[in-house]
């Protein structure tokens, strides 16, 4: 059995750990799990643009994976949570940017992906949160 090694993302991570009592990543052997990452900056401020928020969330996933010794190339699963922009679907404005970022970050490798619409997320004004699992080669 391998001992879990927890880590926090540089920048916003130490503040989130102190205020909310959670780590952003855990590595157990070659497996890395990260908590949901939003499109915030280091002061937990969100951009006005949904597209910018999603791109920043992908950047924060990348930063968080790095704290545990992983990259997007190691990602095998992605769960994304969205405050919908349409009545009966998450909305193309979310999905279009998500797919573009998955292609950009992962190239030909396609992870398993679950996309969920939710009524609210953890911070006021937050519209997207991305969680990932990686297996480090």
Foldseek 3Di string as FASTA:
>chain_A
DFDKDFAAFPQQGVVCCVPVVDTQWIDGPQKIWGDWFWQAGSVRDHDPDPLSGVVSSLVSVQRSQVRVPHGLCFWAEKEKEFAAPDDPDNDPSVVVSVVVVNCVRHPPDDHHYHYYYDNDDDDPPTGMIMITMGGHD
